[in-house]
Amino acid sequence: MIRNIHTHAGFTLLELMVTLAIAAILATLAAPNFSNIIANNRMVTQINELNTSLSVARSEAIKRNATITLCKSTDQENCAAGDWDSSDNGWIVFVDNNSDNDAKDDGEEILRIQDTLSGSLKLKFNNDGKISYRASGLANKAGTFTLCDQRSSAQKYAKALIINNTGRIRKAIDNGNNGIVDSGNGSDVDCS
């Protein structure tokens, strides 16, 4: 005698609804942490871009035996006036043949362009809007670039690059062990 046995392997509607409810609860718990991970990665990427641009400016100044300037820019063609305290700035790196800090005169070559900052990031520099490297690799000024975002405790998440008088660039660290990186003068960076 031959029996025809049919077995069904699947989920009932109730099992599917319970599984989806558990997945929704887990996703709700993970979402805040995931948004922090994305924001932190955005900050690291942007500070690394700035570090690369500063390093390119310094190395090109030495290689070309010329002045290379990095300045904030809103149109990625010209230097913008004023300080860096804005989220709508990007920057450009260019050969500054006549040391006038103007990228579009006398056919000066733009070496690197960075569009405006992504997300809600804000870049500050405690000096005016330009930094130049001479052929010796020395910077025309020392200062601290500080990158902040709009999270409630922005100082805690801030990243910073410090440029010393010799033009050396280093990432800021937290020497005070208070969770906030220090600027070039040893005080906590400021995101206000």
N, C-alpha and C. Protein backbone atom coordinates (compact mmCIF):
# COMPACT_ATOMS: atom_id res chain seq x y z
N MET A 1 0.83 -1.16 0.00
CA MET A 1 0.00 0.00 0.00
C MET A 1 0.89 1.24 0.00
N ILE A 2 0.62 2.14 -0.84
CA ILE A 2 1.39 3.37 -0.98
C ILE A 2 0.62 4.49 -0.32
N ARG A 3 1.34 5.16 0.57
CA ARG A 3 0.73 6.32 1.23
C ARG A 3 1.30 7.61 0.64
N ASN A 4 0.49 8.55 0.51
CA ASN A 4 0.89 9.85 0.01
C ASN A 4 0.88 10.81 1.20
N ILE A 5 2.06 11.06 1.72
CA ILE A 5 2.16 11.92 2.90
C ILE A 5 2.68 13.29 2.47
N HIS A 6 1.92 14.28 2.78
CA HIS A 6 2.32 15.67 2.47
C HIS A 6 2.69 16.37 3.76
N THR A 7 3.92 16.89 3.82
CA THR A 7 4.30 17.68 4.98
C THR A 7 4.53 19.11 4.51
N HIS A 8 4.11 20.00 5.32
CA HIS A 8 4.27 21.42 5.00
C HIS A 8 5.32 22.01 5.92
N ALA A 9 6.35 22.58 5.33
CA ALA A 9 7.39 23.24 6.11
C ALA A 9 7.27 24.74 5.87
N GLY A 10 6.80 25.46 6.84
CA GLY A 10 6.64 26.90 6.70
C GLY A 10 6.27 27.52 8.02
N PHE A 11 6.00 28.82 7.99
CA PHE A 11 5.64 29.54 9.19
C PHE A 11 4.15 29.78 9.21
N THR A 12 3.61 29.75 10.38
CA THR A 12 2.23 30.17 10.51
C THR A 12 2.22 31.69 10.59
N LEU A 13 1.09 32.26 10.42
CA LEU A 13 0.96 33.71 10.48
C LEU A 13 1.36 34.23 11.86
N LEU A 14 1.02 33.52 12.90
CA LEU A 14 1.36 33.92 14.25
C LEU A 14 2.88 33.90 14.46
N GLU A 15 3.54 32.86 13.99
CA GLU A 15 5.00 32.78 14.11
C GLU A 15 5.69 33.93 13.36
N LEU A 16 5.20 34.23 12.19
CA LEU A 16 5.76 35.33 11.39
C LEU A 16 5.58 36.67 12.09
N MET A 17 4.41 36.90 12.69
CA MET A 17 4.17 38.16 13.38
C MET A 17 5.05 38.31 14.62
N VAL A 18 5.26 37.23 15.36
CA VAL A 18 6.13 37.28 16.53
C VAL A 18 7.57 37.57 16.11
N THR A 19 8.03 36.92 15.06
CA THR A 19 9.39 37.14 14.54
C THR A 19 9.57 38.59 14.10
N LEU A 20 8.62 39.15 13.39
CA LEU A 20 8.71 40.54 12.96
C LEU A 20 8.67 41.50 14.14
N ALA A 21 7.90 41.21 15.14
CA ALA A 21 7.84 42.07 16.33
C ALA A 21 9.18 42.07 17.06
N ILE A 22 9.80 40.92 17.20
CA ILE A 22 11.12 40.84 17.84
C ILE A 22 12.16 41.60 17.03
N ALA A 23 12.13 41.45 15.71
CA ALA A 23 13.07 42.16 14.84
C ALA A 23 12.88 43.67 14.96
N ALA A 24 11.65 44.13 15.05
CA ALA A 24 11.38 45.57 15.18
C ALA A 24 11.90 46.10 16.51
N ILE A 25 11.74 45.34 17.57
CA ILE A 25 12.24 45.76 18.89
C ILE A 25 13.77 45.85 18.86
N LEU A 26 14.42 44.85 18.30
CA LEU A 26 15.89 44.87 18.21
C LEU A 26 16.38 46.03 17.35
N ALA A 27 15.70 46.31 16.25
CA ALA A 27 16.10 47.43 15.38
C ALA A 27 15.94 48.77 16.10
N THR A 28 14.88 48.90 16.90
CA THR A 28 14.66 50.13 17.66
C THR A 28 15.76 50.33 18.70
N LEU A 29 16.20 49.26 19.32
CA LEU A 29 17.27 49.37 20.30
C LEU A 29 18.61 49.69 19.65
N ALA A 30 18.84 49.19 18.45
CA ALA A 30 20.14 49.38 17.78
C ALA A 30 20.23 50.72 17.05
N ALA A 31 19.12 51.34 16.69
CA ALA A 31 19.14 52.55 15.87
C ALA A 31 19.94 53.70 16.46
N PRO A 32 19.80 54.06 17.74
CA PRO A 32 20.60 55.17 18.27
C PRO A 32 22.10 54.89 18.20
N ASN A 33 22.51 53.69 18.51
CA ASN A 33 23.93 53.34 18.43
C ASN A 33 24.42 53.38 16.99
N PHE A 34 23.59 52.95 16.07
CA PHE A 34 23.97 52.96 14.67
C PHE A 34 24.13 54.39 14.15
N SER A 35 23.27 55.30 14.58
CA SER A 35 23.40 56.69 14.12
C SER A 35 24.68 57.32 14.69
N ASN A 36 25.07 56.96 15.91
CA ASN A 36 26.34 57.44 16.47
C ASN A 36 27.52 56.89 15.69
N ILE A 37 27.45 55.66 15.28
CA ILE A 37 28.53 55.07 14.48
C ILE A 37 28.67 55.81 13.16
N ILE A 38 27.56 56.09 12.52
CA ILE A 38 27.59 56.83 11.25
C ILE A 38 28.17 58.22 11.45
N ALA A 39 27.73 58.92 12.50
CA ALA A 39 28.24 60.27 12.77
C ALA A 39 29.73 60.24 13.08
N ASN A 40 30.17 59.28 13.86
CA ASN A 40 31.60 59.16 14.18
C ASN A 40 32.43 58.87 12.94
N ASN A 41 31.93 57.99 12.08
CA ASN A 41 32.65 57.68 10.84
C ASN A 41 32.73 58.89 9.92
N ARG A 42 31.66 59.68 9.87
CA ARG A 42 31.66 60.91 9.07
C ARG A 42 32.72 61.88 9.58
N MET A 43 32.83 62.00 10.91
CA MET A 43 33.82 62.90 11.51
C MET A 43 35.24 62.43 11.20
N VAL A 44 35.49 61.14 11.37
CA VAL A 44 36.83 60.59 11.10
C VAL A 44 37.20 60.78 9.64
N THR A 45 36.26 60.51 8.75
CA THR A 45 36.53 60.69 7.32
C THR A 45 36.88 62.13 7.00
N GLN A 46 36.12 63.07 7.55
CA GLN A 46 36.34 64.48 7.23
C GLN A 46 37.66 64.99 7.80
N ILE A 47 38.01 64.59 9.02
CA ILE A 47 39.28 65.07 9.61
C ILE A 47 40.45 64.43 8.86
N ASN A 48 40.28 63.20 8.39
CA ASN A 48 41.33 62.58 7.59
C ASN A 48 41.50 63.27 6.24
N GLU A 49 40.41 63.74 5.65
CA GLU A 49 40.49 64.50 4.40
C GLU A 49 41.27 65.79 4.61
N LEU A 50 40.99 66.48 5.70
CA LEU A 50 41.71 67.71 6.00
C LEU A 50 43.18 67.43 6.25
N ASN A 51 43.47 66.38 6.99
CA ASN A 51 44.86 66.00 7.27
C ASN A 51 45.60 65.70 5.97
N THR A 52 44.95 65.00 5.06
CA THR A 52 45.56 64.71 3.77
C THR A 52 45.81 65.98 2.98
N SER A 53 44.85 66.90 2.98
CA SER A 53 45.02 68.15 2.24
C SER A 53 46.17 68.98 2.80
N LEU A 54 46.28 69.05 4.13
CA LEU A 54 47.39 69.78 4.74
C LEU A 54 48.73 69.11 4.42
N SER A 55 48.75 67.79 4.45
CA SER A 55 49.98 67.06 4.13
C SER A 55 50.38 67.26 2.67
N VAL A 56 49.39 67.26 1.78
CA VAL A 56 49.67 67.52 0.36
C VAL A 56 50.22 68.93 0.19
N ALA A 57 49.63 69.90 0.87
CA ALA A 57 50.11 71.28 0.76
C ALA A 57 51.57 71.38 1.20
N ARG A 58 51.89 70.76 2.31
CA ARG A 58 53.26 70.84 2.82
C ARG A 58 54.24 70.12 1.89
N SER A 59 53.90 68.91 1.47
CA SER A 59 54.83 68.16 0.61
C SER A 59 54.99 68.81 -0.76
N GLU A 60 53.91 69.37 -1.30
CA GLU A 60 54.00 70.04 -2.60
C GLU A 60 54.83 71.31 -2.50
N ALA A 61 54.75 72.01 -1.37
CA ALA A 61 55.57 73.22 -1.18
C ALA A 61 57.04 72.86 -1.24
N ILE A 62 57.40 71.77 -0.58
CA ILE A 62 58.81 71.33 -0.58
C ILE A 62 59.20 70.85 -1.98
N LYS A 63 58.36 70.03 -2.58
CA LYS A 63 58.67 69.46 -3.89
C LYS A 63 58.79 70.52 -4.98
N ARG A 64 57.88 71.48 -4.97
CA ARG A 64 57.84 72.50 -6.02
C ARG A 64 58.70 73.72 -5.70
N ASN A 65 59.23 73.77 -4.48
CA ASN A 65 60.00 74.93 -4.04
C ASN A 65 59.16 76.21 -4.23
N ALA A 66 57.92 76.13 -3.73
CA ALA A 66 56.97 77.22 -3.92
C ALA A 66 56.07 77.32 -2.69
N THR A 67 55.32 78.40 -2.61
CA THR A 67 54.34 78.56 -1.55
C THR A 67 53.05 77.86 -1.96
N ILE A 68 52.54 77.02 -1.08
CA ILE A 68 51.28 76.32 -1.32
C ILE A 68 50.33 76.75 -0.21
N THR A 69 49.13 77.15 -0.58
CA THR A 69 48.15 77.67 0.37
C THR A 69 46.93 76.77 0.43
N LEU A 70 46.43 76.55 1.65
CA LEU A 70 45.14 75.89 1.87
C LEU A 70 44.23 76.96 2.46
N CYS A 71 43.08 77.16 1.84
CA CYS A 71 42.14 78.16 2.35
C CYS A 71 40.72 77.63 2.27
N LYS A 72 39.87 78.20 3.10
CA LYS A 72 38.45 77.83 3.02
C LYS A 72 37.87 78.38 1.73
N SER A 73 36.88 77.68 1.21
CA SER A 73 36.28 78.09 -0.05
C SER A 73 34.82 77.66 -0.07
N THR A 74 33.97 78.55 -0.55
CA THR A 74 32.56 78.21 -0.69
C THR A 74 32.23 77.79 -2.12
N ASP A 75 33.09 78.14 -3.07
CA ASP A 75 32.82 77.80 -4.47
C ASP A 75 33.86 76.85 -5.07
N GLN A 76 34.83 76.41 -4.28
CA GLN A 76 35.89 75.50 -4.68
C GLN A 76 36.75 76.06 -5.82
N GLU A 77 36.77 77.38 -5.95
CA GLU A 77 37.63 78.03 -6.93
C GLU A 77 38.39 79.21 -6.34
N ASN A 78 37.81 79.85 -5.33
CA ASN A 78 38.41 81.04 -4.73
C ASN A 78 38.44 80.89 -3.22
N CYS A 79 39.37 81.60 -2.60
CA CYS A 79 39.41 81.64 -1.15
C CYS A 79 38.26 82.52 -0.66
N ALA A 80 37.62 82.10 0.43
CA ALA A 80 36.55 82.88 1.03
C ALA A 80 37.13 83.71 2.17
N ALA A 81 36.60 84.88 2.37
CA ALA A 81 37.08 85.76 3.43
C ALA A 81 36.57 85.31 4.78
N GLY A 82 37.27 85.74 5.81
CA GLY A 82 36.82 85.49 7.17
C GLY A 82 37.34 84.20 7.76
N ASP A 83 36.75 83.86 8.92
CA ASP A 83 37.22 82.68 9.62
C ASP A 83 36.51 81.41 9.13
N TRP A 84 36.91 80.28 9.68
CA TRP A 84 36.41 78.98 9.24
C TRP A 84 35.14 78.56 9.95
N ASP A 85 34.62 79.35 10.83
CA ASP A 85 33.52 78.94 11.69
C ASP A 85 32.20 78.85 10.91
N SER A 86 32.11 77.85 10.06
CA SER A 86 30.93 77.70 9.23
C SER A 86 30.83 76.26 8.74
N SER A 87 29.62 75.84 8.43
CA SER A 87 29.43 74.49 7.90
C SER A 87 29.31 74.49 6.38
N ASP A 88 29.26 75.66 5.76
CA ASP A 88 29.09 75.70 4.30
C ASP A 88 30.41 75.88 3.57
N ASN A 89 31.51 75.65 4.26
CA ASN A 89 32.82 75.79 3.64
C ASN A 89 33.41 74.45 3.27
N GLY A 90 34.11 74.45 2.17
CA GLY A 90 35.03 73.40 1.84
C GLY A 90 36.40 74.05 1.87
N TRP A 91 37.34 73.50 1.11
CA TRP A 91 38.64 74.15 1.04
C TRP A 91 39.32 73.79 -0.27
N ILE A 92 40.33 74.58 -0.60
CA ILE A 92 41.15 74.31 -1.77
C ILE A 92 42.61 74.40 -1.37
N VAL A 93 43.44 73.67 -2.09
CA VAL A 93 44.88 73.73 -1.94
C VAL A 93 45.41 74.17 -3.30
N PHE A 94 46.22 75.23 -3.32
CA PHE A 94 46.69 75.74 -4.61
C PHE A 94 48.11 76.28 -4.51
N VAL A 95 48.76 76.34 -5.68
CA VAL A 95 50.10 76.92 -5.78
C VAL A 95 49.93 78.43 -5.74
N ASP A 96 50.53 79.05 -4.76
CA ASP A 96 50.38 80.50 -4.55
C ASP A 96 51.67 81.18 -5.00
N ASN A 97 51.86 81.27 -6.30
CA ASN A 97 53.12 81.78 -6.88
C ASN A 97 53.51 83.16 -6.37
N ASN A 98 52.54 84.04 -6.22
CA ASN A 98 52.86 85.41 -5.82
C ASN A 98 52.52 85.69 -4.35
N SER A 99 52.23 84.64 -3.59
CA SER A 99 51.96 84.74 -2.15
C SER A 99 50.89 85.76 -1.79
N ASP A 100 49.87 85.86 -2.65
CA ASP A 100 48.79 86.80 -2.35
C ASP A 100 47.54 86.11 -1.82
N ASN A 101 47.61 84.79 -1.62
CA ASN A 101 46.51 83.99 -1.09
C ASN A 101 45.26 84.02 -1.97
N ASP A 102 45.42 84.30 -3.24
CA ASP A 102 44.30 84.34 -4.17
C ASP A 102 44.49 83.24 -5.21
N ALA A 103 43.56 82.31 -5.28
CA ALA A 103 43.73 81.12 -6.12
C ALA A 103 43.49 81.36 -7.60
N LYS A 104 42.76 82.39 -7.98
CA LYS A 104 42.33 82.51 -9.37
C LYS A 104 43.10 83.54 -10.18
N ASP A 105 44.17 84.09 -9.65
CA ASP A 105 44.90 85.05 -10.46
C ASP A 105 46.18 84.43 -11.01
N ASP A 106 46.67 84.95 -12.06
CA ASP A 106 47.95 84.56 -12.65
C ASP A 106 48.04 83.07 -12.98
N GLY A 107 46.90 82.42 -13.22
CA GLY A 107 46.90 81.02 -13.62
C GLY A 107 47.46 80.06 -12.58
N GLU A 108 47.29 80.37 -11.32
CA GLU A 108 47.81 79.49 -10.27
C GLU A 108 47.02 78.18 -10.24
N GLU A 109 47.73 77.09 -10.08
CA GLU A 109 47.16 75.75 -10.18
C GLU A 109 46.49 75.33 -8.87
N ILE A 110 45.26 74.86 -8.98
CA ILE A 110 44.56 74.29 -7.83
C ILE A 110 44.91 72.81 -7.78
N LEU A 111 45.46 72.38 -6.66
CA LEU A 111 45.95 71.01 -6.51
C LEU A 111 44.92 70.07 -5.90
N ARG A 112 44.08 70.60 -5.06
CA ARG A 112 43.12 69.75 -4.34
C ARG A 112 41.89 70.57 -4.01
N ILE A 113 40.72 69.94 -4.16
CA ILE A 113 39.45 70.60 -3.87
C ILE A 113 38.65 69.71 -2.92
N GLN A 114 38.10 70.33 -1.89
CA GLN A 114 37.20 69.62 -0.97
C GLN A 114 35.87 70.37 -0.97
N ASP A 115 34.80 69.66 -1.32
CA ASP A 115 33.48 70.27 -1.30
C ASP A 115 33.07 70.64 0.12
N THR A 116 31.92 71.25 0.24
CA THR A 116 31.42 71.63 1.56
C THR A 116 31.33 70.42 2.46
N LEU A 117 31.38 70.65 3.74
CA LEU A 117 31.35 69.57 4.72
C LEU A 117 30.04 68.80 4.64
N SER A 118 30.14 67.51 4.86
CA SER A 118 28.94 66.67 4.80
C SER A 118 28.18 66.71 6.11
N GLY A 119 26.89 66.47 6.02
CA GLY A 119 26.07 66.40 7.23
C GLY A 119 26.01 67.72 7.96
N SER A 120 26.02 67.63 9.27
CA SER A 120 25.92 68.83 10.11
C SER A 120 27.26 69.15 10.75
N LEU A 121 28.34 68.96 10.01
CA LEU A 121 29.67 69.20 10.54
C LEU A 121 30.05 70.67 10.42
N LYS A 122 30.87 71.11 11.37
CA LYS A 122 31.33 72.50 11.39
C LYS A 122 32.83 72.48 11.66
N LEU A 123 33.59 73.14 10.79
CA LEU A 123 35.04 73.20 10.93
C LEU A 123 35.43 74.60 11.39
N LYS A 124 36.28 74.65 12.41
CA LYS A 124 36.77 75.92 12.93
C LYS A 124 38.30 75.92 12.88
N PHE A 125 38.87 77.08 12.68
CA PHE A 125 40.32 77.25 12.74
C PHE A 125 40.57 78.48 13.59
N ASN A 126 41.46 78.37 14.56
CA ASN A 126 41.64 79.47 15.49
C ASN A 126 42.53 80.58 14.93
N ASN A 127 42.69 80.58 13.63
CA ASN A 127 43.43 81.63 12.94
C ASN A 127 42.58 82.08 11.76
N ASP A 128 43.06 82.96 10.92
CA ASP A 128 42.23 83.40 9.80
C ASP A 128 42.06 82.27 8.78
N GLY A 129 41.44 82.55 7.68
CA GLY A 129 41.00 81.53 6.74
C GLY A 129 42.02 80.84 5.89
N LYS A 130 43.31 81.13 6.05
CA LYS A 130 44.31 80.54 5.17
C LYS A 130 45.52 80.05 5.95
N ILE A 131 46.13 79.00 5.43
CA ILE A 131 47.41 78.56 5.96
C ILE A 131 48.30 78.26 4.76
N SER A 132 49.51 78.78 4.79
CA SER A 132 50.44 78.61 3.67
C SER A 132 51.68 77.88 4.14
N TYR A 133 52.20 77.05 3.25
CA TYR A 133 53.47 76.38 3.49
C TYR A 133 54.50 76.95 2.53
N ARG A 134 55.65 77.31 3.08
CA ARG A 134 56.76 77.81 2.26
C ARG A 134 57.56 76.64 1.71
N ALA A 135 58.48 76.92 0.83
CA ALA A 135 59.29 75.88 0.19
C ALA A 135 60.08 75.05 1.20
N SER A 136 60.34 75.61 2.36
CA SER A 136 61.06 74.90 3.42
C SER A 136 60.16 73.90 4.15
N GLY A 137 58.85 73.95 3.91
CA GLY A 137 57.90 73.11 4.62
C GLY A 137 57.36 73.75 5.88
N LEU A 138 57.84 74.96 6.18
CA LEU A 138 57.35 75.67 7.36
C LEU A 138 56.01 76.33 7.06
N ALA A 139 55.14 76.32 8.06
CA ALA A 139 53.84 76.97 7.92
C ALA A 139 53.96 78.44 8.28
N ASN A 140 53.10 79.27 7.71
CA ASN A 140 53.12 80.69 8.03
C ASN A 140 52.49 80.99 9.38
N LYS A 141 51.81 80.01 9.97
CA LYS A 141 51.18 80.20 11.28
C LYS A 141 50.89 78.85 11.90
N ALA A 142 50.82 78.84 13.21
CA ALA A 142 50.40 77.66 13.95
C ALA A 142 48.92 77.79 14.25
N GLY A 143 48.25 76.69 14.52
CA GLY A 143 46.84 76.76 14.85
C GLY A 143 46.23 75.40 15.02
N THR A 144 44.95 75.42 15.37
CA THR A 144 44.20 74.18 15.58
C THR A 144 42.94 74.22 14.74
N PHE A 145 42.77 73.20 13.91
CA PHE A 145 41.51 72.98 13.20
C PHE A 145 40.66 72.09 14.10
N THR A 146 39.42 72.50 14.36
CA THR A 146 38.51 71.71 15.19
C THR A 146 37.28 71.37 14.37
N LEU A 147 36.92 70.09 14.35
CA LEU A 147 35.75 69.61 13.64
C LEU A 147 34.71 69.17 14.65
N CYS A 148 33.52 69.75 14.57
CA CYS A 148 32.44 69.44 15.50
C CYS A 148 31.19 69.06 14.71
N ASP A 149 30.28 68.38 15.38
CA ASP A 149 28.98 68.12 14.76
C ASP A 149 27.89 68.65 15.69
N GLN A 150 26.64 68.32 15.38
CA GLN A 150 25.52 68.92 16.10
C GLN A 150 24.97 68.05 17.22
N ARG A 151 25.69 67.00 17.62
CA ARG A 151 25.19 66.18 18.72
C ARG A 151 25.20 67.00 20.01
N SER A 152 24.41 66.58 20.97
CA SER A 152 24.23 67.38 22.18
C SER A 152 25.52 67.60 22.95
N SER A 153 26.41 66.64 22.97
CA SER A 153 27.70 66.83 23.64
C SER A 153 28.80 66.85 22.57
N ALA A 154 28.73 67.86 21.71
CA ALA A 154 29.62 67.94 20.54
C ALA A 154 31.09 67.93 20.92
N GLN A 155 31.44 68.57 22.03
CA GLN A 155 32.85 68.61 22.44
C GLN A 155 33.40 67.21 22.67
N LYS A 156 32.56 66.33 23.19
CA LYS A 156 32.98 64.96 23.48
C LYS A 156 33.36 64.23 22.19
N TYR A 157 32.70 64.56 21.09
CA TYR A 157 32.93 63.87 19.83
C TYR A 157 33.89 64.63 18.91
N ALA A 158 34.31 65.81 19.29
CA ALA A 158 35.12 66.67 18.42
C ALA A 158 36.44 66.01 18.04
N LYS A 159 36.90 66.34 16.85
CA LYS A 159 38.21 65.92 16.35
C LYS A 159 39.00 67.19 16.06
N ALA A 160 40.32 67.11 16.16
CA ALA A 160 41.12 68.31 15.92
C ALA A 160 42.47 67.93 15.32
N LEU A 161 42.98 68.85 14.49
CA LEU A 161 44.34 68.76 13.94
C LEU A 161 45.10 69.98 14.42
N ILE A 162 46.32 69.74 14.88
CA ILE A 162 47.15 70.82 15.38
C ILE A 162 48.33 71.00 14.44
N ILE A 163 48.56 72.24 14.04
CA ILE A 163 49.69 72.58 13.18
C ILE A 163 50.63 73.43 14.01
N ASN A 164 51.89 72.99 14.13
CA ASN A 164 52.84 73.79 14.92
C ASN A 164 53.60 74.74 14.00
N ASN A 165 54.48 75.54 14.56
CA ASN A 165 55.20 76.56 13.79
C ASN A 165 56.09 75.97 12.70
N THR A 166 56.50 74.73 12.86
CA THR A 166 57.33 74.11 11.82
C THR A 166 56.50 73.53 10.69
N GLY A 167 55.17 73.58 10.83
CA GLY A 167 54.28 73.05 9.80
C GLY A 167 53.85 71.62 10.03
N ARG A 168 54.37 71.01 11.09
CA ARG A 168 54.02 69.62 11.38
C ARG A 168 52.55 69.54 11.78
N ILE A 169 51.88 68.50 11.29
CA ILE A 169 50.46 68.29 11.54
C ILE A 169 50.32 67.06 12.43
N ARG A 170 49.52 67.18 13.47
CA ARG A 170 49.25 66.01 14.30
C ARG A 170 47.79 66.03 14.74
N LYS A 171 47.26 64.84 14.96
CA LYS A 171 45.90 64.73 15.47
C LYS A 171 45.91 65.03 16.95
N ALA A 172 44.91 65.76 17.38
CA ALA A 172 44.79 66.12 18.80
C ALA A 172 44.41 64.89 19.62
N ILE A 173 44.90 64.86 20.84
CA ILE A 173 44.56 63.79 21.77
C ILE A 173 44.04 64.40 23.06
N ASP A 174 43.47 63.55 23.90
CA ASP A 174 42.92 63.99 25.17
C ASP A 174 43.96 63.80 26.26
N ASN A 175 44.74 64.84 26.51
CA ASN A 175 45.77 64.75 27.56
C ASN A 175 45.18 64.85 28.96
N GLY A 176 44.03 65.49 29.09
CA GLY A 176 43.42 65.68 30.40
C GLY A 176 42.55 64.52 30.86
N ASN A 177 42.38 63.51 30.01
CA ASN A 177 41.55 62.34 30.33
C ASN A 177 40.13 62.71 30.75
N ASN A 178 39.58 63.73 30.09
CA ASN A 178 38.20 64.13 30.38
C ASN A 178 37.26 63.85 29.22
N GLY A 179 37.74 63.13 28.21
CA GLY A 179 36.91 62.78 27.07
C GLY A 179 36.86 63.83 25.98
N ILE A 180 37.62 64.92 26.11
CA ILE A 180 37.63 65.99 25.12
C ILE A 180 39.07 66.20 24.67
N VAL A 181 39.29 66.21 23.34
CA VAL A 181 40.64 66.39 22.83
C VAL A 181 41.12 67.81 23.11
N ASP A 182 42.44 67.96 23.21
CA ASP A 182 43.03 69.25 23.53
C ASP A 182 43.48 69.98 22.28
N SER A 183 43.39 71.30 22.31
CA SER A 183 43.89 72.13 21.21
C SER A 183 45.39 72.29 21.34
N GLY A 184 45.98 73.05 20.44
CA GLY A 184 47.41 73.26 20.44
C GLY A 184 47.95 73.93 21.70
N ASN A 185 47.11 74.72 22.38
CA ASN A 185 47.57 75.40 23.61
C ASN A 185 47.31 74.58 24.87
N GLY A 186 46.81 73.36 24.72
CA GLY A 186 46.60 72.46 25.86
C GLY A 186 45.25 72.51 26.48
N SER A 187 44.38 73.44 26.07
CA SER A 187 43.03 73.51 26.62
C SER A 187 42.09 72.65 25.77
N ASP A 188 40.93 72.33 26.33
CA ASP A 188 39.94 71.56 25.59
C ASP A 188 39.49 72.32 24.34
N VAL A 189 39.23 71.59 23.25
CA VAL A 189 38.71 72.24 22.05
C VAL A 189 37.32 72.78 22.35
N ASP A 190 36.92 73.78 21.59
CA ASP A 190 35.65 74.45 21.82
C ASP A 190 34.76 74.27 20.60
N CYS A 191 33.55 73.78 20.82
CA CYS A 191 32.61 73.59 19.72
C CYS A 191 31.49 74.60 19.73
N SER A 192 31.56 75.60 20.58
CA SER A 192 30.46 76.58 20.65
C SER A 192 30.50 77.54 19.49
